[in-house]
Amino acid sequence: MPTRMEFEVQGMAELANRMNQSNTLVKITLNEGLRNIGRLFVPHKGGGPLAAEPPKRTGKLRRSTIFQIVGGTTDQRLEIRQGARSKGGAFYGFFVREGTQPHEIVSRRAKALRFIIAGKVIFARRVHHPGTRPNPYHKRVMARLQDRVQQVVNQMGSKVTAYLSGR
């Protein structure tokens, strides 16, 4: 389940309306702006402020951090993804960001569950997991970069306004 983050910037709706009524140059400006915003968060795959914030136990979440522009020329949007998966196939970035509830793991088919902890093999029929606290690192990064995102949006607006006014 993806985590959806939104924050407010001024002038984006008006900019979008003008872009929808204009030509290719304006759409290119939107694309460039979205890419510039993406590079603020993830300058290269596995790098940047958003990749630096998750816990670093294995580094998989960090290395899987990317951004991409999706949609067509009239409905482009920026998506930042962290595609790291557990061995069972779950996208575990969600569990890091949102935390987990306490739960119990019970061996049903096998006689015991097998773990290796600190080099020792341990067998157990039940494991009580106390849950984990949420780590909203993505919100901290968004708050830290909001002014810079606003600067990019303002630059996009200035460029489009200049174009639409014939300058």
Protein backbone atom coordinates (compact mmCIF):
# COMPACT_ATOMS: atom_id res chain seq x y z
CA MET A 1 0.00 0.00 0.00
CA PRO A 2 1.73 3.24 -1.10
CA THR A 3 1.98 6.15 1.29
CA ARG A 4 0.51 9.26 -0.24
CA MET A 5 2.06 12.57 0.77
CA GLU A 6 0.75 15.96 -0.19
CA PHE A 7 1.84 19.42 0.77
CA GLU A 8 0.68 22.82 -0.28
CA VAL A 9 2.48 25.10 -2.70
CA GLN A 10 1.06 28.36 -3.96
CA GLY A 11 0.11 28.91 -7.61
CA MET A 12 0.14 25.30 -8.82
CA ALA A 13 -3.56 25.17 -9.80
CA GLU A 14 -3.33 28.38 -11.82
CA LEU A 15 -0.13 27.14 -13.44
CA ALA A 16 -1.80 23.83 -14.34
CA ASN A 17 -4.78 25.64 -15.91
CA ARG A 18 -2.50 27.79 -18.07
CA MET A 19 -0.48 24.77 -19.09
CA ASN A 20 -3.58 22.86 -20.16
CA GLN A 21 -4.48 25.71 -22.50
CA SER A 22 -1.04 26.12 -23.99
CA ASN A 23 1.45 24.32 -26.20
CA THR A 24 4.47 22.08 -26.06
CA LEU A 25 6.85 24.59 -24.47
CA VAL A 26 4.62 24.85 -21.43
CA LYS A 27 4.33 21.07 -21.12
CA ILE A 28 8.10 20.77 -21.38
CA THR A 29 8.40 23.33 -18.58
CA LEU A 30 6.14 21.18 -16.38
CA ASN A 31 8.21 18.10 -17.16
CA GLU A 32 11.48 19.90 -16.37
CA GLY A 33 10.02 21.27 -13.14
CA LEU A 34 8.81 17.85 -11.99
CA ARG A 35 12.24 16.40 -12.76
CA ASN A 36 13.92 19.20 -10.80
CA ILE A 37 11.65 18.50 -7.83
CA GLY A 38 12.42 14.77 -8.10
CA ARG A 39 16.15 15.54 -8.10
CA LEU A 40 15.75 17.50 -4.87
CA PHE A 41 14.56 14.34 -3.14
CA VAL A 42 16.50 11.71 -5.13
CA PRO A 43 19.39 13.19 -7.18
CA HIS A 44 20.39 9.69 -8.33
CA LYS A 45 19.08 6.19 -7.66
CA GLY A 46 19.63 5.32 -4.03
CA GLY A 47 20.93 8.76 -3.11
CA GLY A 48 19.75 12.08 -1.77
CA PRO A 49 17.80 13.29 1.24
CA LEU A 50 14.98 10.75 0.99
CA ALA A 51 17.34 7.80 0.56
CA ALA A 52 19.52 8.95 3.46
CA GLU A 53 16.68 8.96 6.03
CA PRO A 54 15.44 5.34 6.28
CA PRO A 55 17.05 2.97 8.79
CA LYS A 56 20.24 1.50 7.40
CA ARG A 57 20.11 -2.11 8.58
CA THR A 58 20.50 -3.61 5.11
CA GLY A 59 20.48 -0.52 2.89
CA LYS A 60 17.90 -2.08 0.52
CA LEU A 61 15.35 0.66 1.14
CA ARG A 62 17.97 3.31 0.45
CA ARG A 63 19.24 1.62 -2.72
CA SER A 64 15.74 1.14 -4.10
CA THR A 65 14.77 4.84 -3.87
CA ILE A 66 14.01 6.35 -7.29
CA PHE A 67 11.75 8.97 -8.83
CA GLN A 68 9.92 8.86 -12.12
CA ILE A 69 7.56 11.03 -14.11
CA VAL A 70 4.39 9.14 -15.01
CA GLY A 71 1.38 10.02 -17.13
CA GLY A 72 1.02 11.61 -20.55
CA THR A 73 1.73 15.11 -21.78
CA THR A 74 -1.45 16.51 -20.20
CA ASP A 75 -1.43 14.65 -16.87
CA GLN A 76 2.19 14.29 -15.76
CA ARG A 77 2.99 13.62 -12.12
CA LEU A 78 6.04 12.86 -10.06
CA GLU A 79 6.23 9.57 -8.16
CA ILE A 80 8.98 8.69 -5.72
CA ARG A 81 9.23 4.96 -5.11
CA GLN A 82 11.04 2.76 -2.67
CA GLY A 83 10.70 -0.70 -4.17
CA ALA A 84 12.63 -2.73 -1.59
CA ARG A 85 10.88 -6.02 -0.80
CA SER A 86 11.19 -8.56 1.94
CA LYS A 87 12.04 -12.16 1.11
CA GLY A 88 8.30 -12.82 1.16
CA GLY A 89 7.70 -10.11 -1.45
CA ALA A 90 6.20 -7.37 0.75
CA PHE A 91 7.17 -3.75 0.09
CA TYR A 92 8.56 -3.09 3.54
CA GLY A 93 9.07 0.67 3.24
CA PHE A 94 5.41 1.00 4.21
CA PHE A 95 6.03 -0.90 7.46
CA VAL A 96 9.04 1.30 8.25
CA ARG A 97 7.10 4.52 7.62
CA GLU A 98 3.82 3.45 9.24
CA GLY A 99 5.06 1.00 11.90
CA THR A 100 3.54 -2.38 12.74
CA GLN A 101 1.07 -3.59 15.34
CA PRO A 102 2.10 -6.17 17.95
CA HIS A 103 1.60 -9.69 16.60
CA GLU A 104 2.54 -13.30 17.14
CA ILE A 105 4.19 -15.64 14.65
CA VAL A 106 3.22 -19.29 15.16
CA SER A 107 4.73 -22.35 13.52
CA ARG A 108 1.78 -24.26 12.01
CA ARG A 109 3.25 -26.59 9.39
CA ALA A 110 6.71 -27.15 10.85
CA LYS A 111 7.60 -28.26 14.37
CA ALA A 112 9.43 -24.98 14.96
CA LEU A 113 10.55 -21.71 13.43
CA ARG A 114 14.29 -21.40 12.76
CA PHE A 115 16.23 -18.17 13.33
CA ILE A 116 19.90 -17.27 13.26
CA ILE A 117 20.65 -14.53 15.76
CA ALA A 118 24.21 -13.39 16.44
CA GLY A 119 25.51 -16.53 14.72
CA LYS A 120 23.43 -18.90 16.89
CA VAL A 121 20.64 -21.08 15.50
CA ILE A 122 17.47 -20.75 17.56
CA PHE A 123 14.27 -22.80 17.23
CA ALA A 124 10.91 -21.60 18.57
CA ARG A 125 7.27 -22.57 18.10
CA ARG A 126 6.02 -19.03 18.79
CA VAL A 127 7.55 -15.60 18.52
CA HIS A 128 5.93 -12.56 20.08
CA HIS A 129 6.68 -9.44 18.05
CA PRO A 130 6.04 -6.24 20.01
CA GLY A 131 5.50 -4.18 16.85
CA THR A 132 7.54 -1.24 15.66
CA ARG A 133 7.02 2.48 16.02
CA PRO A 134 6.39 4.47 12.85
CA ASN A 135 9.39 6.26 11.36
CA PRO A 136 7.88 9.10 9.30
CA TYR A 137 11.20 10.01 7.68
CA HIS A 138 9.40 10.94 4.46
CA LYS A 139 7.45 13.67 6.26
CA ARG A 140 10.62 15.12 7.77
CA VAL A 141 12.25 15.25 4.32
CA MET A 142 9.16 16.84 2.78
CA ALA A 143 9.08 19.53 5.47
CA ARG A 144 12.81 20.21 5.07
CA LEU A 145 12.58 20.59 1.28
CA GLN A 146 9.24 22.39 1.00
CA ASP A 147 10.84 25.83 0.48
CA ARG A 148 13.07 24.50 -2.29
CA VAL A 149 10.09 22.78 -3.96
CA GLN A 150 8.23 26.09 -3.80
CA GLN A 151 11.19 27.79 -5.52
CA VAL A 152 11.02 25.30 -8.39
CA VAL A 153 7.25 25.84 -8.73
CA ASN A 154 7.78 29.62 -8.71
CA GLN A 155 10.42 29.30 -11.45
CA MET A 156 8.04 27.18 -13.51
CA GLY A 157 5.30 29.78 -13.04
CA SER A 158 7.62 32.63 -14.03
CA LYS A 159 8.74 30.81 -17.17
CA VAL A 160 5.18 29.98 -18.22
CA THR A 161 3.91 33.46 -17.40
CA ALA A 162 6.70 35.02 -19.46
CA TYR A 163 5.90 32.71 -22.36
CA LEU A 164 2.13 33.26 -22.20
CA SER A 165 2.57 37.04 -21.97
CA GLY A 166 4.85 37.01 -25.04
CA ARG A 167 8.11 37.86 -23.25
